[in-house]
Amino acid sequence: MIEKKTRKNGLHYFVAKAHNGQIIVYSEDYASEAARDNGIASLKRIVEQEIANDIWMAREKETKKYNYNFLYKDKKGELGNLTITVNKKDSEEAIAKFEYIYPHIVWRRVEFIEEI
């Protein structure tokens, strides 16, 4: 919430408050109401950009990929090595994907490699 105010000396300013009433921004003094309104518009643009950045960062975290390396031994006793990429840093998801692709594997070891 933004409150527009005028001082006794005729200078204009605004105060931004949080939903709980706590003041979070005191503006500088402006010579005119139009200048104060431009200051409010600038603050709104900055806040909107910060919100957009926060949303983008949250989406970016959701789209990260993680590599897990599997060392395994098949029924013939042959050793193998495979890297599987999953959407979250969760070895259980990687193991489930590995077991779905290679149900015949009898032994395995998994290790986290990297975030990509």
Foldseek 3Di string as FASTA:
>chain_A
DKDWDADPVGWIWIWDADPVGHTDDTGDTHNDPVVRVVVVVVVVVVVVVVVVVVVVVVVVLQAKKWKKKKWFAFPVRDIDIDIDIDRDPDVVVVVVVVCVVPVRTDDMDMDTDDID
